[in-house]
């Protein structure tokens, strides 16, 4: 029931978002062959739609209603995480299906499809990592108060990445030579880190939510 409630809240913007995704992926797929970045951004947006659920709950004082109901607070938190996860999976699947249809229509090879699939999965993983970072902040400070903290959190790694990219382009830094075994095990390692991050985020959010007074 809580997941359905979140989906109903997201449905207020989901219809426009789905139309936006279908139209713009179609346009950029036929006008710009290198539309990987755009596809990845849309994959992340599907998960981040859940942020609106926090804002709607704050606006309507849903937390007070939930606190007075015979619902374990851990399940209330779990439903929000599952809503974001399921929405992200559905969004990534939709975008991948659209890309497959477009690539088949354009008669492009499977290598391009594989590249797009890897990008979609990667961006989906990044969006889940963002979710793991931001959800405890939302439960602790609320959406409005967390915006400045989010900007600071995401600005620092962005600046570091830009600085590192500039150093690599200038030739001041070079990537070390890594073995094929490392690259083969890297996806498994990243997936394990992501799962641990989500579990840690969930446990922190539950602890924060259980200690809140409404």
N, C-alpha and C. Protein backbone atom coordinates (compact mmCIF):
# COMPACT_ATOMS: atom_id res chain seq x y z
N UNK A 1 0.80 -1.20 0.00
CA UNK A 1 0.00 0.00 0.00
C UNK A 1 0.85 1.27 0.00
N UNK A 2 1.93 1.27 0.75
CA UNK A 2 2.82 2.43 0.79
C UNK A 2 3.51 2.63 -0.55
N UNK A 3 3.88 1.54 -1.18
CA UNK A 3 4.52 1.64 -2.51
C UNK A 3 3.53 2.19 -3.53
N UNK A 4 2.30 1.71 -3.47
CA UNK A 4 1.28 2.24 -4.38
C UNK A 4 1.03 3.72 -4.14
N UNK A 5 1.07 4.12 -2.87
CA UNK A 5 0.91 5.54 -2.55
C UNK A 5 2.01 6.38 -3.20
N UNK A 6 3.25 5.90 -3.11
CA UNK A 6 4.37 6.62 -3.73
C UNK A 6 4.21 6.66 -5.25
N UNK A 7 3.78 5.56 -5.82
CA UNK A 7 3.61 5.54 -7.28
C UNK A 7 2.52 6.50 -7.72
N UNK A 8 1.46 6.63 -6.92
CA UNK A 8 0.41 7.58 -7.26
C UNK A 8 0.95 9.02 -7.19
N UNK A 9 1.81 9.28 -6.23
CA UNK A 9 2.42 10.61 -6.15
C UNK A 9 3.32 10.87 -7.35
N UNK A 10 4.13 9.86 -7.70
CA UNK A 10 5.03 10.03 -8.83
C UNK A 10 4.29 10.08 -10.15
N UNK A 11 3.09 9.49 -10.19
CA UNK A 11 2.31 9.49 -11.43
C UNK A 11 1.91 10.89 -11.86
N UNK A 12 1.91 11.84 -10.92
CA UNK A 12 1.57 13.22 -11.27
C UNK A 12 2.58 13.80 -12.26
N UNK A 13 3.82 13.36 -12.18
CA UNK A 13 4.84 13.82 -13.11
C UNK A 13 5.30 12.72 -14.06
N UNK A 14 4.94 11.46 -13.77
CA UNK A 14 5.44 10.35 -14.56
C UNK A 14 4.94 10.40 -16.00
N UNK A 15 3.68 10.82 -16.19
CA UNK A 15 3.14 10.85 -17.54
C UNK A 15 3.92 11.83 -18.42
N UNK A 16 4.18 13.01 -17.86
CA UNK A 16 4.98 13.98 -18.61
C UNK A 16 6.40 13.48 -18.81
N UNK A 17 6.97 12.83 -17.77
CA UNK A 17 8.33 12.35 -17.87
C UNK A 17 8.45 11.25 -18.92
N UNK A 18 7.49 10.34 -18.97
CA UNK A 18 7.53 9.27 -19.96
C UNK A 18 7.43 9.84 -21.37
N UNK A 19 6.54 10.79 -21.57
CA UNK A 19 6.43 11.43 -22.88
C UNK A 19 7.73 12.15 -23.24
N UNK A 20 8.30 12.82 -22.25
CA UNK A 20 9.57 13.52 -22.45
C UNK A 20 10.67 12.55 -22.87
N UNK A 21 10.74 11.41 -22.20
CA UNK A 21 11.78 10.41 -22.50
C UNK A 21 11.59 9.85 -23.90
N UNK A 22 10.34 9.45 -24.22
CA UNK A 22 10.09 8.83 -25.52
C UNK A 22 10.41 9.81 -26.66
N UNK A 23 9.93 11.04 -26.54
CA UNK A 23 10.13 12.02 -27.61
C UNK A 23 11.59 12.38 -27.78
N UNK A 24 12.27 12.70 -26.70
CA UNK A 24 13.64 13.19 -26.82
C UNK A 24 14.63 12.08 -27.13
N UNK A 25 14.41 10.88 -26.61
CA UNK A 25 15.30 9.77 -27.00
C UNK A 25 15.12 9.49 -28.48
N UNK A 26 13.88 9.54 -28.96
CA UNK A 26 13.66 9.33 -30.39
C UNK A 26 14.32 10.39 -31.24
N UNK A 27 14.19 11.67 -30.82
CA UNK A 27 14.78 12.77 -31.60
C UNK A 27 16.30 12.66 -31.61
N UNK A 28 16.90 12.51 -30.43
CA UNK A 28 18.36 12.48 -30.37
C UNK A 28 18.93 11.20 -30.96
N UNK A 29 18.16 10.12 -30.94
CA UNK A 29 18.67 8.87 -31.52
C UNK A 29 18.80 8.98 -33.03
N UNK A 30 17.93 9.76 -33.67
CA UNK A 30 17.98 9.88 -35.12
C UNK A 30 18.80 11.08 -35.58
N UNK A 31 18.95 12.07 -34.72
CA UNK A 31 19.71 13.27 -35.12
C UNK A 31 21.13 13.26 -34.60
N UNK A 32 21.37 12.56 -33.52
CA UNK A 32 22.70 12.52 -32.91
C UNK A 32 23.03 11.08 -32.58
N UNK A 33 23.94 10.43 -33.30
CA UNK A 33 24.24 9.03 -33.04
C UNK A 33 24.87 8.80 -31.69
N UNK A 34 25.52 9.80 -31.11
CA UNK A 34 26.16 9.64 -29.81
C UNK A 34 25.26 10.25 -28.73
N UNK A 35 24.18 9.59 -28.46
CA UNK A 35 23.21 10.07 -27.48
C UNK A 35 23.29 9.29 -26.18
N UNK A 36 24.43 8.69 -25.92
CA UNK A 36 24.57 7.86 -24.73
C UNK A 36 24.39 8.66 -23.45
N UNK A 37 24.95 9.87 -23.42
CA UNK A 37 24.85 10.68 -22.22
C UNK A 37 23.39 11.00 -21.89
N UNK A 38 22.62 11.34 -22.92
CA UNK A 38 21.22 11.69 -22.72
C UNK A 38 20.45 10.49 -22.18
N UNK A 39 20.70 9.31 -22.75
CA UNK A 39 20.03 8.11 -22.27
C UNK A 39 20.37 7.84 -20.81
N UNK A 40 21.63 8.01 -20.44
CA UNK A 40 22.04 7.78 -19.06
C UNK A 40 21.39 8.75 -18.10
N UNK A 41 21.26 10.00 -18.49
CA UNK A 41 20.63 11.00 -17.64
C UNK A 41 19.18 10.63 -17.37
N UNK A 42 18.46 10.19 -18.39
CA UNK A 42 17.06 9.82 -18.20
C UNK A 42 16.93 8.63 -17.26
N UNK A 43 17.89 7.71 -17.32
CA UNK A 43 17.85 6.56 -16.41
C UNK A 43 17.96 7.02 -14.97
N UNK A 44 18.83 7.99 -14.70
CA UNK A 44 18.99 8.50 -13.34
C UNK A 44 17.76 9.28 -12.89
N UNK A 45 17.14 10.01 -13.82
CA UNK A 45 15.97 10.82 -13.46
C UNK A 45 14.83 9.94 -12.96
N UNK A 46 14.67 8.74 -13.53
CA UNK A 46 13.58 7.87 -13.14
C UNK A 46 13.66 7.51 -11.66
N UNK A 47 14.87 7.29 -11.15
CA UNK A 47 15.01 6.97 -9.73
C UNK A 47 14.83 8.22 -8.88
N UNK A 48 15.40 9.33 -9.32
CA UNK A 48 15.34 10.55 -8.53
C UNK A 48 13.94 11.15 -8.47
N UNK A 49 13.00 10.62 -9.26
CA UNK A 49 11.60 11.05 -9.14
C UNK A 49 11.06 10.80 -7.73
N UNK A 50 11.66 9.84 -7.05
CA UNK A 50 11.18 9.51 -5.70
C UNK A 50 11.38 10.67 -4.74
N UNK A 51 12.29 11.58 -5.05
CA UNK A 51 12.49 12.74 -4.18
C UNK A 51 11.19 13.51 -4.01
N UNK A 52 10.37 13.56 -5.05
CA UNK A 52 9.10 14.27 -4.97
C UNK A 52 8.18 13.66 -3.91
N UNK A 53 8.33 12.36 -3.67
CA UNK A 53 7.50 11.73 -2.65
C UNK A 53 7.81 12.30 -1.27
N UNK A 54 9.09 12.56 -0.99
CA UNK A 54 9.44 13.19 0.28
C UNK A 54 8.80 14.57 0.40
N UNK A 55 8.86 15.34 -0.69
CA UNK A 55 8.30 16.69 -0.68
C UNK A 55 6.78 16.65 -0.48
N UNK A 56 6.10 15.74 -1.17
CA UNK A 56 4.64 15.63 -1.01
C UNK A 56 4.27 15.20 0.41
N UNK A 57 5.04 14.27 0.96
CA UNK A 57 4.75 13.81 2.33
C UNK A 57 4.92 14.95 3.33
N UNK A 58 5.97 15.75 3.14
CA UNK A 58 6.16 16.89 4.04
C UNK A 58 5.03 17.90 3.89
N UNK A 59 4.60 18.13 2.67
CA UNK A 59 3.55 19.11 2.41
C UNK A 59 2.22 18.71 3.05
N UNK A 60 1.93 17.41 3.03
CA UNK A 60 0.65 16.91 3.53
C UNK A 60 0.74 16.30 4.93
N UNK A 61 1.92 16.42 5.57
CA UNK A 61 2.10 15.88 6.93
C UNK A 61 1.78 14.39 7.00
N UNK A 62 2.22 13.66 5.97
CA UNK A 62 1.93 12.23 5.95
C UNK A 62 2.66 11.50 7.08
N UNK A 63 3.84 11.98 7.46
CA UNK A 63 4.60 11.29 8.51
C UNK A 63 3.83 11.24 9.83
N UNK A 64 3.07 12.28 10.12
CA UNK A 64 2.26 12.26 11.34
C UNK A 64 1.18 11.20 11.26
N UNK A 65 0.57 11.08 10.10
CA UNK A 65 -0.46 10.05 9.91
C UNK A 65 0.15 8.66 10.02
N UNK A 66 1.31 8.47 9.39
CA UNK A 66 1.96 7.16 9.44
C UNK A 66 2.41 6.81 10.85
N UNK A 67 2.86 7.84 11.61
CA UNK A 67 3.31 7.58 12.98
C UNK A 67 2.17 7.15 13.88
N UNK A 68 0.95 7.62 13.59
CA UNK A 68 -0.20 7.24 14.41
C UNK A 68 -0.82 5.92 13.98
N UNK A 69 -0.39 5.39 12.84
CA UNK A 69 -0.93 4.12 12.35
C UNK A 69 -0.11 2.96 12.90
N UNK A 70 -0.72 1.76 12.98
CA UNK A 70 0.01 0.59 13.50
C UNK A 70 0.96 0.00 12.45
N UNK A 71 1.88 0.84 11.98
CA UNK A 71 2.84 0.41 10.97
C UNK A 71 4.25 0.50 11.54
N UNK A 72 5.04 -0.54 11.42
CA UNK A 72 6.44 -0.42 11.84
C UNK A 72 7.15 0.64 11.00
N UNK A 73 7.89 1.50 11.64
CA UNK A 73 8.57 2.56 10.91
C UNK A 73 9.61 2.01 9.93
N UNK A 74 10.13 0.85 10.25
CA UNK A 74 11.10 0.25 9.33
C UNK A 74 10.45 -0.09 7.99
N UNK A 75 9.18 -0.50 8.03
CA UNK A 75 8.47 -0.82 6.80
C UNK A 75 8.14 0.44 6.00
N UNK A 76 7.87 1.54 6.71
CA UNK A 76 7.61 2.80 6.01
C UNK A 76 8.86 3.24 5.24
N UNK A 77 10.00 3.12 5.88
CA UNK A 77 11.26 3.46 5.21
C UNK A 77 11.55 2.49 4.07
N UNK A 78 11.34 1.19 4.32
CA UNK A 78 11.60 0.18 3.30
C UNK A 78 10.75 0.41 2.07
N UNK A 79 9.50 0.83 2.26
CA UNK A 79 8.62 1.06 1.11
C UNK A 79 9.16 2.17 0.23
N UNK A 80 9.75 3.20 0.83
CA UNK A 80 10.30 4.30 0.03
C UNK A 80 11.50 3.84 -0.79
N UNK A 81 12.36 3.03 -0.20
CA UNK A 81 13.51 2.50 -0.92
C UNK A 81 13.05 1.57 -2.06
N UNK A 82 12.05 0.73 -1.78
CA UNK A 82 11.56 -0.18 -2.82
C UNK A 82 10.86 0.60 -3.93
N UNK A 83 10.16 1.68 -3.59
CA UNK A 83 9.51 2.50 -4.61
C UNK A 83 10.55 3.07 -5.57
N UNK A 84 11.65 3.60 -5.02
CA UNK A 84 12.70 4.15 -5.86
C UNK A 84 13.36 3.07 -6.70
N UNK A 85 13.61 1.92 -6.09
CA UNK A 85 14.27 0.82 -6.81
C UNK A 85 13.41 0.32 -7.95
N UNK A 86 12.14 0.07 -7.69
CA UNK A 86 11.24 -0.45 -8.72
C UNK A 86 11.01 0.58 -9.82
N UNK A 87 10.92 1.84 -9.44
CA UNK A 87 10.76 2.89 -10.45
C UNK A 87 11.99 2.97 -11.34
N UNK A 88 13.16 2.87 -10.73
CA UNK A 88 14.39 2.89 -11.51
C UNK A 88 14.50 1.71 -12.46
N UNK A 89 14.14 0.52 -11.98
CA UNK A 89 14.18 -0.67 -12.84
C UNK A 89 13.22 -0.52 -14.01
N UNK A 90 12.01 -0.04 -13.72
CA UNK A 90 11.03 0.15 -14.79
C UNK A 90 11.51 1.20 -15.79
N UNK A 91 12.09 2.29 -15.29
CA UNK A 91 12.59 3.33 -16.19
C UNK A 91 13.75 2.85 -17.04
N UNK A 92 14.69 2.15 -16.41
CA UNK A 92 15.83 1.62 -17.17
C UNK A 92 15.38 0.61 -18.21
N UNK A 93 14.39 -0.24 -17.84
CA UNK A 93 13.88 -1.20 -18.81
C UNK A 93 13.18 -0.54 -19.97
N UNK A 94 12.42 0.52 -19.69
CA UNK A 94 11.73 1.25 -20.76
C UNK A 94 12.73 1.89 -21.70
N UNK A 95 13.74 2.55 -21.14
CA UNK A 95 14.74 3.22 -21.97
C UNK A 95 15.53 2.20 -22.80
N UNK A 96 15.86 1.07 -22.19
CA UNK A 96 16.59 0.03 -22.93
C UNK A 96 15.73 -0.52 -24.06
N UNK A 97 14.44 -0.72 -23.82
CA UNK A 97 13.55 -1.21 -24.87
C UNK A 97 13.46 -0.21 -26.02
N UNK A 98 13.35 1.08 -25.70
CA UNK A 98 13.30 2.11 -26.74
C UNK A 98 14.59 2.12 -27.54
N UNK A 99 15.71 2.02 -26.86
CA UNK A 99 16.99 2.01 -27.56
C UNK A 99 17.13 0.79 -28.46
N UNK A 100 16.69 -0.36 -27.98
CA UNK A 100 16.75 -1.58 -28.81
C UNK A 100 15.92 -1.41 -30.07
N UNK A 101 14.70 -0.88 -29.92
CA UNK A 101 13.86 -0.68 -31.10
C UNK A 101 14.47 0.30 -32.09
N UNK A 102 15.06 1.38 -31.58
CA UNK A 102 15.67 2.38 -32.46
C UNK A 102 16.89 1.81 -33.17
N UNK A 103 17.72 1.08 -32.42
CA UNK A 103 18.93 0.51 -33.01
C UNK A 103 18.58 -0.56 -34.05
N UNK A 104 17.54 -1.35 -33.79
CA UNK A 104 17.11 -2.33 -34.78
C UNK A 104 16.58 -1.65 -36.03
N UNK A 105 15.85 -0.56 -35.84
CA UNK A 105 15.32 0.18 -36.98
C UNK A 105 16.45 0.79 -37.80
N UNK A 106 17.49 1.26 -37.14
CA UNK A 106 18.63 1.86 -37.83
C UNK A 106 19.62 0.81 -38.32
N UNK A 107 19.34 -0.49 -37.98
CA UNK A 107 20.18 -1.61 -38.41
C UNK A 107 21.63 -1.44 -37.96
N UNK A 108 21.78 -1.06 -36.69
CA UNK A 108 23.10 -0.94 -36.11
C UNK A 108 23.48 -2.25 -35.43
N UNK A 109 24.76 -2.46 -35.24
CA UNK A 109 25.26 -3.73 -34.73
C UNK A 109 25.00 -3.93 -33.25
N UNK A 110 25.24 -5.14 -32.81
CA UNK A 110 25.03 -5.47 -31.40
C UNK A 110 26.05 -4.79 -30.49
N UNK A 111 27.18 -4.38 -31.06
CA UNK A 111 28.20 -3.71 -30.23
C UNK A 111 27.66 -2.38 -29.68
N UNK A 112 26.92 -1.64 -30.51
CA UNK A 112 26.34 -0.37 -30.06
C UNK A 112 25.29 -0.63 -28.99
N UNK A 113 24.50 -1.68 -29.19
CA UNK A 113 23.48 -2.04 -28.20
C UNK A 113 24.13 -2.41 -26.88
N UNK A 114 25.23 -3.14 -26.93
CA UNK A 114 25.95 -3.53 -25.72
C UNK A 114 26.48 -2.30 -24.99
N UNK A 115 27.01 -1.35 -25.75
CA UNK A 115 27.53 -0.13 -25.14
C UNK A 115 26.41 0.64 -24.45
N UNK A 116 25.26 0.76 -25.11
CA UNK A 116 24.14 1.46 -24.51
C UNK A 116 23.63 0.74 -23.26
N UNK A 117 23.60 -0.59 -23.31
CA UNK A 117 23.15 -1.36 -22.15
C UNK A 117 24.08 -1.15 -20.97
N UNK A 118 25.38 -1.18 -21.23
CA UNK A 118 26.35 -0.96 -20.15
C UNK A 118 26.19 0.43 -19.56
N UNK A 119 25.96 1.42 -20.41
CA UNK A 119 25.79 2.78 -19.93
C UNK A 119 24.53 2.92 -19.08
N UNK A 120 23.44 2.32 -19.55
CA UNK A 120 22.19 2.39 -18.79
C UNK A 120 22.34 1.73 -17.43
N UNK A 121 22.97 0.56 -17.39
CA UNK A 121 23.18 -0.13 -16.11
C UNK A 121 24.09 0.69 -15.20
N UNK A 122 25.14 1.29 -15.78
CA UNK A 122 26.05 2.11 -14.99
C UNK A 122 25.35 3.31 -14.38
N UNK A 123 24.57 4.01 -15.20
CA UNK A 123 23.85 5.19 -14.70
C UNK A 123 22.80 4.80 -13.68
N UNK A 124 22.19 3.65 -13.86
CA UNK A 124 21.24 3.16 -12.87
C UNK A 124 21.94 2.90 -11.55
N UNK A 125 23.14 2.33 -11.61
CA UNK A 125 23.92 2.12 -10.39
C UNK A 125 24.30 3.43 -9.72
N UNK A 126 24.68 4.43 -10.52
CA UNK A 126 25.02 5.75 -9.98
C UNK A 126 23.80 6.38 -9.31
N UNK A 127 22.64 6.24 -9.94
CA UNK A 127 21.43 6.81 -9.35
C UNK A 127 21.08 6.13 -8.02
N UNK A 128 21.33 4.82 -7.92
CA UNK A 128 21.09 4.13 -6.65
C UNK A 128 22.08 4.60 -5.59
N UNK A 129 23.32 4.88 -6.00
CA UNK A 129 24.29 5.40 -5.05
C UNK A 129 23.88 6.79 -4.55
N UNK A 130 23.37 7.63 -5.46
CA UNK A 130 22.85 8.93 -5.05
C UNK A 130 21.68 8.77 -4.09
N UNK A 131 20.84 7.78 -4.35
CA UNK A 131 19.72 7.51 -3.47
C UNK A 131 20.22 7.10 -2.09
N UNK A 132 21.25 6.27 -2.05
CA UNK A 132 21.80 5.83 -0.76
C UNK A 132 22.36 6.99 0.03
N UNK A 133 22.88 8.00 -0.65
CA UNK A 133 23.46 9.16 0.04
C UNK A 133 22.37 10.13 0.49
N UNK A 134 21.39 10.38 -0.37
CA UNK A 134 20.42 11.45 -0.10
C UNK A 134 19.27 11.04 0.80
N UNK A 135 18.83 9.80 0.75
CA UNK A 135 17.64 9.40 1.52
C UNK A 135 17.82 9.61 3.03
N UNK A 136 18.95 9.23 3.62
CA UNK A 136 19.10 9.53 5.05
C UNK A 136 19.06 11.03 5.35
N UNK A 137 19.56 11.84 4.42
CA UNK A 137 19.49 13.29 4.61
C UNK A 137 18.05 13.78 4.60
N UNK A 138 17.25 13.23 3.69
CA UNK A 138 15.85 13.62 3.62
C UNK A 138 15.11 13.25 4.91
N UNK A 139 15.40 12.08 5.44
CA UNK A 139 14.73 11.67 6.67
C UNK A 139 15.21 12.50 7.87
N UNK A 140 16.44 12.94 7.81
CA UNK A 140 16.98 13.70 8.96
C UNK A 140 16.61 15.17 8.90
N UNK A 141 16.75 15.80 7.74
CA UNK A 141 16.57 17.25 7.65
C UNK A 141 15.35 17.67 6.83
N UNK A 142 14.77 16.76 6.06
CA UNK A 142 13.71 17.14 5.14
C UNK A 142 14.28 17.54 3.78
N UNK A 143 13.40 17.62 2.78
CA UNK A 143 13.85 17.89 1.43
C UNK A 143 14.40 19.30 1.30
N UNK A 144 13.68 20.28 1.81
CA UNK A 144 14.09 21.68 1.63
C UNK A 144 15.42 21.97 2.30
N UNK A 145 15.60 21.52 3.54
CA UNK A 145 16.84 21.77 4.25
C UNK A 145 18.01 20.96 3.69
N UNK A 146 17.72 19.86 3.02
CA UNK A 146 18.79 18.99 2.51
C UNK A 146 19.35 19.46 1.18
N UNK A 147 18.69 20.41 0.53
CA UNK A 147 19.15 20.81 -0.80
C UNK A 147 20.55 21.40 -0.77
N UNK A 148 20.83 22.28 0.19
CA UNK A 148 22.16 22.87 0.28
C UNK A 148 23.20 21.82 0.61
N UNK A 149 22.86 20.88 1.49
CA UNK A 149 23.79 19.81 1.83
C UNK A 149 24.06 18.94 0.60
N UNK A 150 23.01 18.66 -0.18
CA UNK A 150 23.18 17.87 -1.40
C UNK A 150 24.11 18.56 -2.38
N UNK A 151 23.95 19.87 -2.52
CA UNK A 151 24.80 20.62 -3.45
C UNK A 151 26.26 20.51 -3.03
N UNK A 152 26.51 20.64 -1.74
CA UNK A 152 27.88 20.55 -1.24
C UNK A 152 28.44 19.15 -1.44
N UNK A 153 27.62 18.14 -1.14
CA UNK A 153 28.09 16.75 -1.26
C UNK A 153 28.45 16.42 -2.69
N UNK A 154 27.61 16.83 -3.66
CA UNK A 154 27.84 16.48 -5.05
C UNK A 154 28.82 17.42 -5.74
N UNK A 155 29.00 18.63 -5.17
CA UNK A 155 29.91 19.58 -5.80
C UNK A 155 31.36 19.17 -5.59
N UNK A 156 31.67 18.65 -4.42
CA UNK A 156 33.07 18.29 -4.13
C UNK A 156 33.57 17.19 -5.06
N UNK A 157 32.89 16.03 -5.19
CA UNK A 157 33.40 15.01 -6.12
C UNK A 157 33.39 15.47 -7.57
N UNK A 158 32.41 16.33 -7.94
CA UNK A 158 32.38 16.85 -9.31
C UNK A 158 33.62 17.68 -9.60
N UNK A 159 34.01 18.53 -8.64
CA UNK A 159 35.21 19.35 -8.82
C UNK A 159 36.46 18.47 -8.88
N UNK A 160 36.51 17.43 -8.06
CA UNK A 160 37.67 16.53 -8.09
C UNK A 160 37.77 15.79 -9.42
N UNK A 161 36.61 15.36 -9.95
CA UNK A 161 36.62 14.66 -11.24
C UNK A 161 37.07 15.60 -12.35
N UNK A 162 36.58 16.84 -12.34
CA UNK A 162 36.99 17.81 -13.34
C UNK A 162 38.48 18.11 -13.25
N UNK A 163 39.00 18.22 -12.01
CA UNK A 163 40.42 18.47 -11.83
C UNK A 163 41.25 17.30 -12.34
N UNK A 164 40.82 16.08 -12.01
CA UNK A 164 41.55 14.90 -12.47
C UNK A 164 41.51 14.78 -13.99
N UNK A 165 40.34 15.09 -14.58
CA UNK A 165 40.23 15.03 -16.04
C UNK A 165 41.17 16.02 -16.70
N UNK A 166 41.29 17.23 -16.12
CA UNK A 166 42.21 18.21 -16.67
C UNK A 166 43.65 17.78 -16.58
N UNK A 167 44.00 17.13 -15.47
CA UNK A 167 45.38 16.66 -15.31
C UNK A 167 45.68 15.54 -16.30
N UNK A 168 44.73 14.67 -16.53
CA UNK A 168 44.95 13.59 -17.50
C UNK A 168 45.08 14.14 -18.91
N UNK A 169 44.25 15.13 -19.24
CA UNK A 169 44.31 15.72 -20.57
C UNK A 169 45.62 16.46 -20.79
N UNK A 170 46.16 17.06 -19.73
CA UNK A 170 47.43 17.77 -19.85
C UNK A 170 48.63 16.82 -19.84
N UNK A 171 48.38 15.57 -19.58
CA UNK A 171 49.46 14.61 -19.56
C UNK A 171 50.24 14.57 -18.26
N UNK A 172 49.76 15.26 -17.22
CA UNK A 172 50.44 15.26 -15.94
C UNK A 172 50.20 13.98 -15.16
N UNK A 173 49.11 13.30 -15.48
CA UNK A 173 48.79 12.04 -14.83
C UNK A 173 48.51 10.99 -15.89
N UNK A 174 48.84 9.76 -15.60
CA UNK A 174 48.56 8.65 -16.52
C UNK A 174 47.91 7.52 -15.73
N UNK A 175 47.01 6.82 -16.38
CA UNK A 175 46.36 5.68 -15.73
C UNK A 175 47.33 4.51 -15.59
N UNK A 176 47.32 3.86 -14.44
CA UNK A 176 48.20 2.69 -14.28
C UNK A 176 47.72 1.51 -15.12
N UNK A 177 48.63 0.68 -15.50
CA UNK A 177 48.29 -0.52 -16.27
C UNK A 177 47.74 -1.58 -15.32
N UNK A 178 46.50 -1.97 -15.57
CA UNK A 178 45.84 -2.94 -14.69
C UNK A 178 45.63 -4.24 -15.44
N UNK A 179 45.61 -5.32 -14.69
CA UNK A 179 45.49 -6.64 -15.28
C UNK A 179 44.06 -6.89 -15.76
N UNK A 180 43.88 -7.80 -16.73
CA UNK A 180 42.51 -8.14 -17.17
C UNK A 180 41.65 -8.71 -16.04
N UNK A 181 42.30 -9.40 -15.08
CA UNK A 181 41.55 -9.94 -13.95
C UNK A 181 40.87 -8.83 -13.17
N UNK A 182 41.53 -7.69 -13.01
CA UNK A 182 40.94 -6.57 -12.28
C UNK A 182 39.71 -6.06 -13.00
N UNK A 183 39.79 -5.88 -14.32
CA UNK A 183 38.66 -5.37 -15.07
C UNK A 183 37.50 -6.35 -15.10
N UNK A 184 37.81 -7.66 -15.07
CA UNK A 184 36.76 -8.67 -15.07
C UNK A 184 36.02 -8.71 -13.72
N UNK A 185 36.74 -8.47 -12.65
CA UNK A 185 36.12 -8.52 -11.32
C UNK A 185 35.59 -7.16 -10.86
N UNK A 186 35.91 -6.11 -11.60
CA UNK A 186 35.47 -4.77 -11.20
C UNK A 186 33.95 -4.65 -11.13
N UNK A 187 33.17 -5.14 -12.12
CA UNK A 187 31.70 -5.03 -12.00
C UNK A 187 31.15 -5.71 -10.76
N UNK A 188 31.70 -6.88 -10.41
CA UNK A 188 31.23 -7.58 -9.21
C UNK A 188 31.56 -6.78 -7.96
N UNK A 189 32.76 -6.22 -7.93
CA UNK A 189 33.17 -5.41 -6.78
C UNK A 189 32.29 -4.18 -6.63
N UNK A 190 32.01 -3.49 -7.74
CA UNK A 190 31.17 -2.30 -7.69
C UNK A 190 29.75 -2.64 -7.27
N UNK A 191 29.22 -3.77 -7.77
CA UNK A 191 27.88 -4.20 -7.37
C UNK A 191 27.82 -4.50 -5.88
N UNK A 192 28.86 -5.14 -5.34
CA UNK A 192 28.89 -5.44 -3.91
C UNK A 192 28.95 -4.16 -3.09
N UNK A 193 29.75 -3.19 -3.54
CA UNK A 193 29.83 -1.90 -2.84
C UNK A 193 28.48 -1.19 -2.86
N UNK A 194 27.79 -1.26 -4.00
CA UNK A 194 26.49 -0.61 -4.12
C UNK A 194 25.47 -1.25 -3.18
N UNK A 195 25.45 -2.56 -3.11
CA UNK A 195 24.52 -3.25 -2.23
C UNK A 195 24.80 -2.89 -0.77
N UNK A 196 26.08 -2.88 -0.39
CA UNK A 196 26.44 -2.51 0.98
C UNK A 196 26.05 -1.07 1.28
N UNK A 197 26.24 -0.18 0.30
CA UNK A 197 25.87 1.22 0.49
C UNK A 197 24.37 1.37 0.71
N UNK A 198 23.57 0.62 -0.07
CA UNK A 198 22.11 0.69 0.10
C UNK A 198 21.68 0.12 1.45
N UNK A 199 22.28 -0.98 1.87
CA UNK A 199 21.94 -1.56 3.17
C UNK A 199 22.31 -0.62 4.31
N UNK A 200 23.49 -0.01 4.20
CA UNK A 200 23.91 0.94 5.22
C UNK A 200 22.99 2.16 5.23
N UNK A 201 22.65 2.64 4.04
CA UNK A 201 21.74 3.79 3.94
C UNK A 201 20.39 3.47 4.56
N UNK A 202 19.87 2.30 4.26
CA UNK A 202 18.57 1.90 4.79
C UNK A 202 18.61 1.82 6.32
N UNK A 203 19.66 1.22 6.86
CA UNK A 203 19.75 1.09 8.32
C UNK A 203 19.86 2.46 8.99
N UNK A 204 20.59 3.39 8.38
CA UNK A 204 20.70 4.75 8.93
C UNK A 204 19.35 5.45 8.87
N UNK A 205 18.66 5.32 7.73
CA UNK A 205 17.35 5.96 7.58
C UNK A 205 16.35 5.42 8.59
N UNK A 206 16.36 4.11 8.82
CA UNK A 206 15.45 3.52 9.80
C UNK A 206 15.74 4.06 11.19
N UNK A 207 17.01 4.14 11.55
CA UNK A 207 17.37 4.65 12.87
C UNK A 207 16.93 6.10 13.04
N UNK A 208 17.14 6.91 11.99
CA UNK A 208 16.73 8.32 12.05
C UNK A 208 15.22 8.42 12.18
N UNK A 209 14.50 7.65 11.37
CA UNK A 209 13.04 7.74 11.34
C UNK A 209 12.42 7.23 12.64
N UNK A 210 13.03 6.22 13.23
CA UNK A 210 12.50 5.69 14.48
C UNK A 210 12.69 6.67 15.64
N UNK A 211 13.69 7.51 15.55
CA UNK A 211 13.97 8.47 16.64
C UNK A 211 13.27 9.81 16.44
N UNK A 212 12.59 9.98 15.31
CA UNK A 212 11.92 11.24 15.06
C UNK A 212 10.60 11.32 15.82
N UNK A 213 10.25 12.53 16.21
CA UNK A 213 8.98 12.77 16.88
C UNK A 213 8.12 13.66 15.97
N UNK A 214 6.86 13.26 15.82
CA UNK A 214 5.95 14.00 14.93
C UNK A 214 4.83 14.61 15.74
